[in-house]
Amino acid sequence: MTENHKHHHEHHHEHDSESKSDKHDLERLKILLPHWIEHNQSHAKEFKKWADIAREKSITETAALIEKAIKSMEEADSYLQTALNRVIG
């Protein structure tokens, strides 16, 4: 009976340690995810500016590729937003 108590006690401490680390990681994600989304949106605005410039210079293929990159970033932002929603509950 003493062995079971000892095992349970040690097991409990391992979870406490993991919980503190998990809580810290979740708090970090709550900060990082909005930052990443905002960062991507800032880049997307800059990309849009340069896609427009490329299109004005008749570099249409380059403009189209930059626009595809913007769409990919928007998709990434959607995934990051979903991740943030799940983290904040």
C-alpha atoms as a PDB file:
ATOM      1  CA  MET A   1       0.000   0.000   0.000  1.00  0.00           C
ATOM      2  CA  THR A   2       2.886   2.347   0.703  1.00  0.00           C
ATOM      3  CA  GLU A   3       4.288   1.702  -2.778  1.00  0.00           C
ATOM      4  CA  ASN A   4       0.997   2.703  -4.427  1.00  0.00           C
ATOM      5  CA  HIS A   5       0.898   5.927  -2.457  1.00  0.00           C
ATOM      6  CA  LYS A   6       4.492   6.684  -3.346  1.00  0.00           C
ATOM      7  CA  HIS A   7       3.857   6.050  -7.032  1.00  0.00           C
ATOM      8  CA  HIS A   8       0.735   8.184  -6.998  1.00  0.00           C
ATOM      9  CA  HIS A   9       2.588  10.953  -5.187  1.00  0.00           C
ATOM     10  CA  GLU A  10       5.492  10.982  -7.664  1.00  0.00           C
ATOM     11  CA  HIS A  11       3.120  10.775 -10.598  1.00  0.00           C
ATOM     12  CA  HIS A  12       1.198  13.763  -9.279  1.00  0.00           C
ATOM     13  CA  HIS A  13       4.327  15.888  -9.088  1.00  0.00           C
ATOM     14  CA  GLU A  14       5.252  15.089 -12.667  1.00  0.00           C
ATOM     15  CA  HIS A  15       1.875  16.384 -13.797  1.00  0.00           C
ATOM     16  CA  ASP A  16       2.259  19.546 -11.703  1.00  0.00           C
ATOM     17  CA  SER A  17       5.557  20.239 -13.404  1.00  0.00           C
ATOM     18  CA  GLU A  18       4.066  19.606 -16.839  1.00  0.00           C
ATOM     19  CA  SER A  19       1.053  21.771 -16.030  1.00  0.00           C
ATOM     20  CA  LYS A  20       3.232  24.763 -15.168  1.00  0.00           C
ATOM     21  CA  SER A  21       5.181  24.330 -18.394  1.00  0.00           C
ATOM     22  CA  ASP A  22       1.987  23.793 -20.399  1.00  0.00           C
ATOM     23  CA  LYS A  23       0.405  26.885 -18.863  1.00  0.00           C
ATOM     24  CA  HIS A  24       3.496  28.942 -19.694  1.00  0.00           C
ATOM     25  CA  ASP A  25       3.481  27.638 -23.279  1.00  0.00           C
ATOM     26  CA  LEU A  26      -0.219  28.466 -23.689  1.00  0.00           C
ATOM     27  CA  GLU A  27       0.354  31.988 -22.389  1.00  0.00           C
ATOM     28  CA  ARG A  28       3.197  32.413 -24.866  1.00  0.00           C
ATOM     29  CA  LEU A  29       0.989  31.196 -27.721  1.00  0.00           C
ATOM     30  CA  LYS A  30      -1.694  33.707 -26.714  1.00  0.00           C
ATOM     31  CA  ILE A  31       0.914  36.418 -27.260  1.00  0.00           C
ATOM     32  CA  LEU A  32       2.719  34.967 -30.277  1.00  0.00           C
ATOM     33  CA  LEU A  33      -0.244  34.024 -32.450  1.00  0.00           C
ATOM     34  CA  PRO A  34      -1.736  37.553 -32.693  1.00  0.00           C
ATOM     35  CA  HIS A  35       1.767  38.908 -33.280  1.00  0.00           C
ATOM     36  CA  TRP A  36       2.341  36.489 -36.151  1.00  0.00           C
ATOM     37  CA  ILE A  37      -1.035  37.348 -37.692  1.00  0.00           C
ATOM     38  CA  GLU A  38      -0.336  41.073 -37.480  1.00  0.00           C
ATOM     39  CA  HIS A  39       3.176  40.573 -38.833  1.00  0.00           C
ATOM     40  CA  ASN A  40       1.863  38.616 -41.821  1.00  0.00           C
ATOM     41  CA  GLN A  41      -0.778  41.249 -42.531  1.00  0.00           C
ATOM     42  CA  SER A  42       1.877  43.945 -42.499  1.00  0.00           C
ATOM     43  CA  HIS A  43       3.928  41.985 -45.020  1.00  0.00           C
ATOM     44  CA  ALA A  44       0.860  41.315 -47.158  1.00  0.00           C
ATOM     45  CA  LYS A  45       0.238  45.068 -47.438  1.00  0.00           C
ATOM     46  CA  GLU A  46       3.813  45.582 -48.590  1.00  0.00           C
ATOM     47  CA  PHE A  47       3.493  42.673 -51.041  1.00  0.00           C
ATOM     48  CA  LYS A  48       0.304  44.210 -52.453  1.00  0.00           C
ATOM     49  CA  LYS A  49       2.113  47.504 -53.006  1.00  0.00           C
ATOM     50  CA  TRP A  50       4.858  45.738 -54.952  1.00  0.00           C
ATOM     51  CA  ALA A  51       2.432  43.575 -56.901  1.00  0.00           C
ATOM     52  CA  ASP A  52       0.715  46.779 -58.028  1.00  0.00           C
ATOM     53  CA  ILE A  53       4.063  48.292 -59.014  1.00  0.00           C
ATOM     54  CA  ALA A  54       4.985  45.154 -60.965  1.00  0.00           C
ATOM     55  CA  ARG A  55       1.621  45.229 -62.739  1.00  0.00           C
ATOM     56  CA  GLU A  56       2.075  48.941 -63.612  1.00  0.00           C
ATOM     57  CA  LYS A  57       5.476  48.057 -65.118  1.00  0.00           C
ATOM     58  CA  SER A  58       3.830  45.277 -67.170  1.00  0.00           C
ATOM     59  CA  ILE A  59       5.623  42.587 -65.193  1.00  0.00           C
ATOM     60  CA  THR A  60       2.352  40.718 -64.916  1.00  0.00           C
ATOM     61  CA  GLU A  61       3.775  37.267 -64.185  1.00  0.00           C
ATOM     62  CA  THR A  62       5.727  38.662 -61.245  1.00  0.00           C
ATOM     63  CA  ALA A  63       2.657  40.538 -60.034  1.00  0.00           C
ATOM     64  CA  ALA A  64       0.592  37.346 -60.244  1.00  0.00           C
ATOM     65  CA  LEU A  65       3.181  35.392 -58.247  1.00  0.00           C
ATOM     66  CA  ILE A  66       3.287  38.060 -55.543  1.00  0.00           C
ATOM     67  CA  GLU A  67      -0.521  37.984 -55.407  1.00  0.00           C
ATOM     68  CA  LYS A  68      -0.405  34.197 -54.973  1.00  0.00           C
ATOM     69  CA  ALA A  69       1.991  34.743 -52.073  1.00  0.00           C
ATOM     70  CA  ILE A  70      -0.524  37.164 -50.544  1.00  0.00           C
ATOM     71  CA  LYS A  71      -3.284  34.554 -50.833  1.00  0.00           C
ATOM     72  CA  SER A  72      -1.012  31.981 -49.175  1.00  0.00           C
ATOM     73  CA  MET A  73      -0.332  34.394 -46.325  1.00  0.00           C
ATOM     74  CA  GLU A  74      -4.056  35.019 -45.913  1.00  0.00           C
ATOM     75  CA  GLU A  75      -4.592  31.263 -45.727  1.00  0.00           C
ATOM     76  CA  ALA A  76      -1.811  30.979 -43.152  1.00  0.00           C
ATOM     77  CA  ASP A  77      -3.446  33.787 -41.147  1.00  0.00           C
ATOM     78  CA  SER A  78      -6.718  31.881 -41.197  1.00  0.00           C
ATOM     79  CA  TYR A  79      -4.992  28.827 -39.719  1.00  0.00           C
ATOM     80  CA  LEU A  80      -3.217  30.985 -37.137  1.00  0.00           C
ATOM     81  CA  GLN A  81      -6.514  32.650 -36.182  1.00  0.00           C
ATOM     82  CA  THR A  82      -8.182  29.260 -35.744  1.00  0.00           C
ATOM     83  CA  ALA A  83      -5.244  28.163 -33.588  1.00  0.00           C
ATOM     84  CA  LEU A  84      -5.584  31.344 -31.501  1.00  0.00           C
ATOM     85  CA  ASN A  85      -9.329  30.785 -31.071  1.00  0.00           C
ATOM     86  CA  ARG A  86      -8.665  27.283 -29.770  1.00  0.00           C
ATOM     87  CA  VAL A  87      -5.953  28.477 -27.371  1.00  0.00           C
ATOM     88  CA  ILE A  88      -8.106  31.237 -25.885  1.00  0.00           C
ATOM     89  CA  GLY A  89     -11.146  28.951 -25.798  1.00  0.00           C
END
